[in-house]
Amino acid sequence: MSFLEINSLRKVFGDTVAVDDVSLTVEEGDFITVVGPSGCGKTTTLLNVAGLQAPTSGSIELKGRDLTDLPAYKRDIGVVFQDYALFPHKTVAENIAFGLKMRGESQSKRDEVVEEMLSMIDLEGYEDVYPHQCSGGEQQRVAVARALAFDPDLVLMDEPLSNLDKKLRQSLRTELKRIQRETGVTTIYVTHNQTEALSMGDKIAVMNNGNLEQFADPKLAYEKPASPFVANFLGQSSRIDGTLRTDSAPHVQLENGAILEVDVREGFDDGDAVAVFLRNELVSVTENQPADVNAFTGRVAEVDYQGRDVIYYVTVPDLDVTVQVSGDGRGTVYEAGKKVWLSIAPEDVIYTASEGRTGDQKHAAVQTSVGAQ
């Protein structure tokens, strides 16, 4: 028996289908990230699991117990909201102890748990402080402590870091993972941030237009995306469409006749229409022609200097596309108009079945190497 089972979940608002036949299985102790663009259905899915919305159809089971029609207060689920939703008139200690108080725990028990929670979130001495006296990061940690204080079966987090600056988000990502590892509580974390989703999740669920596009290990989702949407949404890539040819040297033939050599993967056949994705960090840029099989000349159209890194937009006539390439901003920076060579190894070329294809095996993808080259 799986810890959490979401089966064929569907939620409709009038004529709008917010969540469409979503199913996934969560094991106890997992940290699951749910990622996708605004309006993709990720928060609606979370609210249905929390019991704050009722599904139109489908079922939700936690530890073998059907939660579908159960009120939120009977689900034993902790929730951390985007705006933290702390009680402004209550102290930090009172906020953390609120769930315990509602469950009838004694004052001594509440004091004991509050002390443990404050130690875990590194806010000892904040018992009598009010939320408005706390920074955004401190409020976020208090909200997490409140969700964990009553020892829930499951914790749901809805974009809890989205209101914080980049540096603080990075720091608190580490803190949240530490807290989850220490407590072992099963967690579902909703975000629109791809970096958060990839770095934090034991598994990642990618949603789009109410559908679950892929549910997998983050590395697998990045290296073997199940659809063009997943390939494009996770990471920075340039897309080219073509036809897979498996005779002689396996390659993708583009409409203009150019070819990209690739590794063949199970589930693809000769003549399949495919969407090719060239990851920014897997494409090399040099002044001189390399010996690689996938080498194409182009001209730098734009330069996006970012300090440590630089993004080049290179127009490549043979590929009939402008390719984004990640370069080392600490070395030589090529100027707009510069003629350069781009290359990528066959095993680093990602491809998926083009839109409209069906079948489980048609969503395979070429394995790539993660990291800059």
Protein backbone atom coordinates (compact mmCIF):
# COMPACT_ATOMS: atom_id res chain seq x y z
CA MET A 1 0.00 0.00 0.00
CA SER A 2 1.38 3.40 -1.00
CA PHE A 3 1.41 6.24 1.50
CA LEU A 4 -0.56 8.69 -0.66
CA GLU A 5 -2.59 7.79 -3.73
CA ILE A 6 -4.11 10.44 -5.99
CA ASN A 7 -6.32 8.67 -8.51
CA SER A 8 -7.78 10.29 -11.64
CA LEU A 9 -8.18 13.65 -9.90
CA ARG A 10 -10.28 16.12 -11.86
CA LYS A 11 -11.39 19.61 -10.84
CA VAL A 12 -13.66 21.77 -12.99
CA PHE A 13 -14.65 25.40 -12.38
CA GLY A 14 -17.55 26.19 -14.71
CA ASP A 15 -16.18 25.67 -18.22
CA THR A 16 -12.57 25.58 -17.04
CA VAL A 17 -10.84 22.26 -16.40
CA ALA A 18 -8.21 23.14 -13.78
CA VAL A 19 -7.00 19.58 -13.13
CA ASP A 20 -7.59 16.83 -15.66
CA ASP A 21 -7.24 13.15 -14.70
CA VAL A 22 -4.11 13.50 -12.54
CA SER A 23 -2.82 10.35 -10.85
CA LEU A 24 0.35 9.91 -8.82
CA THR A 25 1.70 7.81 -5.97
CA VAL A 26 3.76 9.23 -3.09
CA GLU A 27 5.79 7.02 -0.77
CA GLU A 28 6.24 7.75 2.93
CA GLY A 29 9.10 10.14 3.64
CA ASP A 30 9.26 11.47 0.08
CA PHE A 31 9.78 15.13 -0.72
CA ILE A 32 7.74 15.72 -3.88
CA THR A 33 8.00 18.94 -5.87
CA VAL A 34 5.15 19.96 -8.18
CA VAL A 35 6.20 22.46 -10.82
CA GLY A 36 4.62 24.19 -13.77
CA PRO A 37 3.62 27.61 -15.10
CA SER A 38 0.89 29.76 -13.57
CA GLY A 39 -2.55 28.28 -14.11
CA CYS A 40 -1.30 24.73 -14.76
CA GLY A 41 -3.31 23.19 -11.89
CA LYS A 42 -0.56 22.59 -9.33
CA THR A 43 -2.08 24.69 -6.52
CA THR A 44 -5.56 23.35 -7.26
CA THR A 45 -4.21 19.81 -6.89
CA LEU A 46 -2.66 20.77 -3.54
CA LEU A 47 -5.88 22.35 -2.29
CA ASN A 48 -7.83 19.21 -3.20
CA VAL A 49 -5.38 17.05 -1.25
CA ALA A 50 -5.61 19.45 1.71
CA GLY A 51 -9.42 19.32 1.67
CA LEU A 52 -9.74 23.05 1.03
CA GLN A 53 -11.43 22.28 -2.29
CA ALA A 54 -13.54 19.30 -3.27
CA PRO A 55 -12.60 17.39 -6.44
CA THR A 56 -15.11 17.11 -9.26
CA SER A 57 -14.14 13.45 -9.59
CA GLY A 58 -11.37 11.08 -8.61
CA SER A 59 -10.14 10.01 -5.19
CA ILE A 60 -7.43 10.75 -2.62
CA GLU A 61 -6.20 8.11 -0.18
CA LEU A 62 -3.71 8.63 2.65
CA LYS A 63 -2.35 5.57 4.45
CA GLY A 64 -5.21 3.54 2.99
CA ARG A 65 -7.84 5.98 4.25
CA ASP A 66 -10.16 7.65 1.73
CA LEU A 67 -9.90 11.41 2.23
CA THR A 68 -11.95 12.47 -0.78
CA ASP A 69 -15.02 13.65 1.14
CA LEU A 70 -13.34 14.26 4.49
CA PRO A 71 -13.23 17.84 5.86
CA ALA A 72 -9.83 19.50 5.99
CA TYR A 73 -9.68 19.57 9.81
CA LYS A 74 -10.00 15.76 9.93
CA ARG A 75 -7.19 15.01 7.45
CA ASP A 76 -4.16 15.38 9.73
CA ILE A 77 -2.37 17.41 7.07
CA GLY A 78 -0.19 20.45 7.71
CA VAL A 79 -0.26 23.30 5.18
CA VAL A 80 2.21 26.14 4.57
CA PHE A 81 0.74 28.89 2.40
CA GLN A 82 2.45 31.35 0.10
CA ASP A 83 1.69 34.28 2.42
CA TYR A 84 2.39 32.13 5.55
CA ALA A 85 -1.09 33.01 7.01
CA LEU A 86 0.29 33.55 10.51
CA PHE A 87 -2.09 35.00 13.11
CA PRO A 88 -0.89 38.61 13.55
CA HIS A 89 -2.37 38.96 17.06
CA LYS A 90 -0.68 35.79 18.33
CA THR A 91 2.96 35.40 19.34
CA VAL A 92 5.34 33.05 17.57
CA ALA A 93 4.80 30.48 20.33
CA GLU A 94 1.02 30.80 20.09
CA ASN A 95 1.14 30.46 16.30
CA ILE A 96 3.23 27.31 16.49
CA ALA A 97 1.06 25.80 19.23
CA PHE A 98 -2.26 26.63 17.54
CA GLY A 99 -2.84 23.19 16.02
CA LEU A 100 -1.95 21.47 19.26
CA LYS A 101 -4.35 23.69 21.18
CA MET A 102 -7.17 22.88 18.76
CA ARG A 103 -6.47 19.19 19.39
CA GLY A 104 -6.78 19.65 23.14
CA GLU A 105 -3.13 19.18 24.09
CA SER A 106 -2.11 20.38 27.55
CA GLN A 107 -0.20 23.61 28.09
CA SER A 108 2.87 21.68 29.20
CA LYS A 109 2.81 19.59 26.03
CA ARG A 110 2.38 22.71 23.90
CA ASP A 111 5.31 24.41 25.62
CA GLU A 112 7.48 21.34 25.09
CA VAL A 113 6.68 21.13 21.37
CA VAL A 114 7.15 24.88 20.85
CA GLU A 115 10.60 24.65 22.41
CA GLU A 116 11.50 21.74 20.12
CA MET A 117 10.18 23.53 17.02
CA LEU A 118 12.00 26.79 17.79
CA SER A 119 15.24 24.86 18.21
CA MET A 120 14.70 23.05 14.92
CA ILE A 121 14.08 26.29 12.98
CA ASP A 122 16.88 28.18 14.80
CA LEU A 123 14.58 30.75 16.40
CA GLU A 124 15.19 30.12 20.08
CA GLY A 125 14.08 33.09 22.16
CA TYR A 126 11.33 34.15 19.75
CA GLU A 127 8.47 32.79 21.87
CA ASP A 128 6.98 36.20 22.68
CA VAL A 129 7.75 37.89 19.37
CA TYR A 130 4.85 38.79 17.03
CA PRO A 131 4.86 38.00 13.28
CA HIS A 132 5.20 41.67 12.25
CA GLN A 133 8.42 41.81 14.25
CA CYS A 134 9.91 38.93 12.22
CA SER A 135 11.63 39.09 8.84
CA GLY A 136 10.12 37.31 5.85
CA GLY A 137 12.46 34.37 6.28
CA GLU A 138 11.67 34.10 9.99
CA GLN A 139 7.93 34.19 9.30
CA GLN A 140 8.37 31.43 6.74
CA ARG A 141 10.16 29.23 9.27
CA VAL A 142 7.45 29.88 11.87
CA ALA A 143 4.81 28.82 9.34
CA VAL A 144 6.73 25.59 8.70
CA ALA A 145 7.02 24.94 12.43
CA ARG A 146 3.28 25.47 12.89
CA ALA A 147 2.56 22.96 10.12
CA LEU A 148 4.87 20.38 11.73
CA ALA A 149 4.05 20.94 15.41
CA PHE A 150 1.06 18.58 15.63
CA ASP A 151 3.02 15.75 13.93
CA PRO A 152 0.92 15.54 10.73
CA ASP A 153 0.93 12.59 8.36
CA LEU A 154 1.61 14.90 5.41
CA VAL A 155 2.79 18.48 4.89
CA LEU A 156 1.76 20.56 1.86
CA MET A 157 3.65 23.71 0.89
CA ASP A 158 2.29 26.18 -1.66
CA GLU A 159 5.13 28.35 -3.04
CA PRO A 160 6.41 29.24 0.46
CA LEU A 161 9.56 30.97 -0.84
CA SER A 162 8.10 32.99 -3.69
CA ASN A 163 7.89 36.26 -1.71
CA LEU A 164 11.57 36.18 -0.69
CA ASP A 165 14.62 37.56 -2.48
CA LYS A 166 16.84 35.21 -4.45
CA LYS A 167 19.64 34.91 -1.89
CA LEU A 168 17.22 34.18 0.97
CA ARG A 169 15.31 31.66 -1.17
CA GLN A 170 18.51 29.74 -1.82
CA SER A 171 19.35 29.68 1.90
CA LEU A 172 15.86 28.59 2.97
CA ARG A 173 15.71 25.86 0.33
CA THR A 174 18.53 24.20 2.21
CA GLU A 175 16.79 24.80 5.54
CA LEU A 176 13.53 23.26 4.36
CA LYS A 177 15.30 20.16 3.10
CA ARG A 178 17.19 19.86 6.39
CA ILE A 179 13.97 20.13 8.40
CA GLN A 180 12.24 17.57 6.18
CA ARG A 181 15.13 15.13 6.54
CA GLU A 182 15.20 15.58 10.32
CA THR A 183 11.46 15.05 10.75
CA GLY A 184 11.00 12.51 7.95
CA VAL A 185 7.57 13.96 7.20
CA THR A 186 6.19 13.29 3.74
CA THR A 187 6.04 16.62 1.90
CA ILE A 188 4.48 17.93 -1.31
CA TYR A 189 5.97 21.26 -2.36
CA VAL A 190 4.38 23.38 -5.09
CA THR A 191 6.54 25.86 -6.98
CA HIS A 192 6.81 27.59 -10.34
CA ASN A 193 10.60 27.75 -9.96
CA GLN A 194 12.40 25.04 -11.96
CA THR A 195 15.59 25.28 -9.90
CA GLU A 196 13.69 24.74 -6.65
CA ALA A 197 11.81 21.81 -8.12
CA LEU A 198 14.93 20.08 -9.44
CA SER A 199 17.14 20.72 -6.41
CA MET A 200 14.66 19.93 -3.64
CA GLY A 201 12.52 17.06 -4.87
CA ASP A 202 13.12 13.34 -4.43
CA LYS A 203 10.64 13.19 -7.30
CA ILE A 204 9.29 15.93 -9.51
CA ALA A 205 5.80 16.27 -10.96
CA VAL A 206 5.64 18.55 -14.01
CA MET A 207 2.18 19.94 -14.79
CA ASN A 208 0.81 21.81 -17.79
CA ASN A 209 -2.74 22.85 -18.63
CA GLY A 210 -4.16 20.71 -15.84
CA ASN A 211 -2.30 17.60 -16.96
CA LEU A 212 0.55 15.71 -15.33
CA GLU A 213 3.21 15.66 -18.05
CA GLN A 214 5.82 13.66 -16.11
CA PHE A 215 6.38 12.28 -12.61
CA ALA A 216 9.92 11.04 -12.11
CA ASP A 217 13.29 11.45 -10.44
CA PRO A 218 14.47 15.04 -11.17
CA LYS A 219 17.57 13.85 -13.00
CA LEU A 220 15.50 11.54 -15.18
CA ALA A 221 12.99 14.29 -15.96
CA TYR A 222 15.81 16.63 -16.96
CA GLU A 223 17.77 14.10 -18.98
CA LYS A 224 14.84 12.13 -20.42
CA PRO A 225 11.88 14.51 -20.64
CA ALA A 226 8.60 12.81 -21.44
CA SER A 227 7.27 15.54 -23.72
CA PRO A 228 8.33 18.70 -25.55
CA PHE A 229 6.80 20.76 -22.75
CA VAL A 230 8.93 19.10 -20.06
CA ALA A 231 12.08 19.43 -22.17
CA ASN A 232 11.42 23.11 -22.76
CA PHE A 233 10.24 23.94 -19.24
CA LEU A 234 13.09 22.30 -17.32
CA GLY A 235 16.29 24.11 -18.15
CA GLN A 236 17.23 26.39 -21.04
CA SER A 237 17.17 24.87 -24.52
CA SER A 238 16.88 25.64 -28.20
CA ARG A 239 14.29 23.61 -30.08
CA ILE A 240 14.56 22.20 -33.59
CA ASP A 241 12.03 19.87 -35.24
CA GLY A 242 13.00 17.03 -37.55
CA THR A 243 12.67 13.37 -38.48
CA LEU A 244 14.56 10.53 -36.82
CA ARG A 245 16.60 8.31 -39.15
CA THR A 246 18.09 5.11 -37.76
CA ASP A 247 19.70 3.74 -40.92
CA SER A 248 23.53 3.84 -40.86
CA ALA A 249 24.62 6.56 -38.40
CA PRO A 250 21.53 7.47 -36.32
CA HIS A 251 20.57 11.09 -36.85
CA VAL A 252 17.76 13.60 -36.92
CA GLN A 253 17.19 15.12 -40.33
CA LEU A 254 15.93 18.68 -40.33
CA GLU A 255 13.54 20.12 -42.88
CA ASN A 256 16.35 22.00 -44.62
CA GLY A 257 18.34 18.79 -45.04
CA ALA A 258 20.85 19.37 -42.24
CA ILE A 259 21.49 16.49 -39.85
CA LEU A 260 22.24 16.09 -36.14
CA GLU A 261 23.78 12.80 -35.09
CA VAL A 262 22.11 11.31 -32.01
CA ASP A 263 22.00 8.22 -29.85
CA VAL A 264 19.02 6.00 -30.59
CA ARG A 265 16.76 5.19 -27.68
CA GLU A 266 14.26 2.41 -27.16
CA GLY A 267 10.74 3.28 -28.25
CA PHE A 268 11.63 5.32 -31.32
CA ASP A 269 11.39 4.13 -34.91
CA ASP A 270 12.87 5.28 -38.20
CA GLY A 271 10.77 8.08 -39.61
CA ASP A 272 9.41 9.33 -36.27
CA ALA A 273 8.74 13.06 -36.09
CA VAL A 274 10.75 14.40 -33.16
CA ALA A 275 11.37 17.65 -31.30
CA VAL A 276 15.10 18.16 -30.67
CA PHE A 277 16.33 20.19 -27.70
CA LEU A 278 19.87 21.55 -27.39
CA ARG A 279 20.59 22.38 -23.75
CA ASN A 280 22.47 25.67 -23.37
CA GLU A 281 25.12 24.18 -21.11
CA LEU A 282 25.74 21.18 -23.37
CA VAL A 283 26.53 23.19 -26.50
CA SER A 284 30.18 24.27 -26.80
CA VAL A 285 31.19 27.53 -28.48
CA THR A 286 34.68 28.09 -29.95
CA GLU A 287 36.43 30.29 -32.48
CA ASN A 288 37.93 27.37 -34.40
CA GLN A 289 36.19 24.48 -36.08
CA PRO A 290 36.08 21.47 -33.73
CA ALA A 291 36.46 17.86 -34.82
CA ASP A 292 33.07 16.86 -33.43
CA VAL A 293 30.45 15.33 -35.75
CA ASN A 294 27.80 17.86 -34.73
CA ALA A 295 29.72 21.06 -35.54
CA PHE A 296 28.04 24.08 -37.11
CA THR A 297 29.23 27.56 -37.86
CA GLY A 298 27.22 30.61 -36.89
CA ARG A 299 27.37 34.25 -35.97
CA VAL A 300 26.75 35.79 -32.57
CA ALA A 301 23.54 37.81 -32.76
CA GLU A 302 23.24 38.91 -29.12
CA VAL A 303 25.28 38.65 -25.93
CA ASP A 304 23.74 38.42 -22.43
CA TYR A 305 26.64 38.92 -20.01
CA GLN A 306 25.75 37.73 -16.48
CA GLY A 307 29.10 37.92 -14.69
CA ARG A 308 30.15 34.34 -14.08
CA ASP A 309 28.21 33.16 -17.13
CA VAL A 310 27.34 34.60 -20.51
CA ILE A 311 24.51 33.56 -22.81
CA TYR A 312 25.14 33.82 -26.54
CA TYR A 313 22.39 33.86 -29.13
CA VAL A 314 24.03 32.40 -32.21
CA THR A 315 22.35 32.35 -35.62
CA VAL A 316 23.19 29.05 -37.31
CA PRO A 317 22.19 28.99 -41.02
CA ASP A 318 22.64 25.20 -41.40
CA LEU A 319 20.20 24.58 -38.55
CA ASP A 320 17.97 27.47 -39.57
CA VAL A 321 17.68 28.54 -35.93
CA THR A 322 19.20 30.85 -33.34
CA VAL A 323 20.83 28.69 -30.65
CA GLN A 324 21.31 29.77 -27.05
CA VAL A 325 24.70 28.79 -25.64
CA SER A 326 26.09 29.11 -22.10
CA GLY A 327 29.66 30.39 -22.02
CA ASP A 328 32.22 31.22 -19.35
CA GLY A 329 31.88 34.91 -18.57
CA ARG A 330 35.28 34.89 -16.86
CA GLY A 331 37.11 34.01 -20.08
CA THR A 332 36.97 35.45 -23.57
CA VAL A 333 33.59 37.03 -24.27
CA TYR A 334 32.64 37.00 -27.95
CA GLU A 335 31.04 40.16 -29.25
CA ALA A 336 27.93 40.43 -31.39
CA GLY A 337 28.81 39.79 -35.03
CA LYS A 338 31.62 37.35 -34.20
CA LYS A 339 31.78 34.16 -36.30
CA VAL A 340 31.92 31.09 -34.02
CA TRP A 341 31.55 27.31 -34.11
CA LEU A 342 28.98 25.38 -32.07
CA SER A 343 29.20 21.68 -31.29
CA ILE A 344 27.32 19.09 -29.25
CA ALA A 345 27.97 15.39 -28.67
CA PRO A 346 25.35 12.96 -30.08
CA GLU A 347 24.64 11.57 -26.60
CA ASP A 348 23.85 15.08 -25.36
CA VAL A 349 21.15 15.75 -27.95
CA ILE A 350 17.75 15.45 -26.28
CA TYR A 351 14.72 14.57 -28.32
CA THR A 352 11.10 13.71 -27.61
CA ALA A 353 8.15 12.67 -29.68
CA SER A 354 6.58 15.71 -31.33
CA GLU A 355 3.24 16.99 -30.07
CA GLY A 356 0.29 14.82 -30.95
CA ARG A 357 2.14 11.50 -30.68
CA THR A 358 0.68 8.89 -28.34
CA GLY A 359 1.92 5.77 -26.63
CA ASP A 360 4.07 5.22 -23.56
CA GLN A 361 7.25 4.45 -25.48
CA LYS A 362 6.96 7.44 -27.79
CA HIS A 363 7.91 9.73 -24.92
CA ALA A 364 11.43 8.33 -24.47
CA ALA A 365 14.36 10.71 -24.82
CA VAL A 366 18.06 10.64 -25.37
CA GLN A 367 20.19 10.61 -22.21
CA THR A 368 22.20 13.74 -21.57
CA SER A 369 24.98 14.73 -19.22
CA VAL A 370 24.04 17.25 -16.53
CA GLY A 371 26.48 20.10 -16.03
CA ALA A 372 28.44 22.60 -18.09
CA GLN A 373 30.89 21.48 -20.72
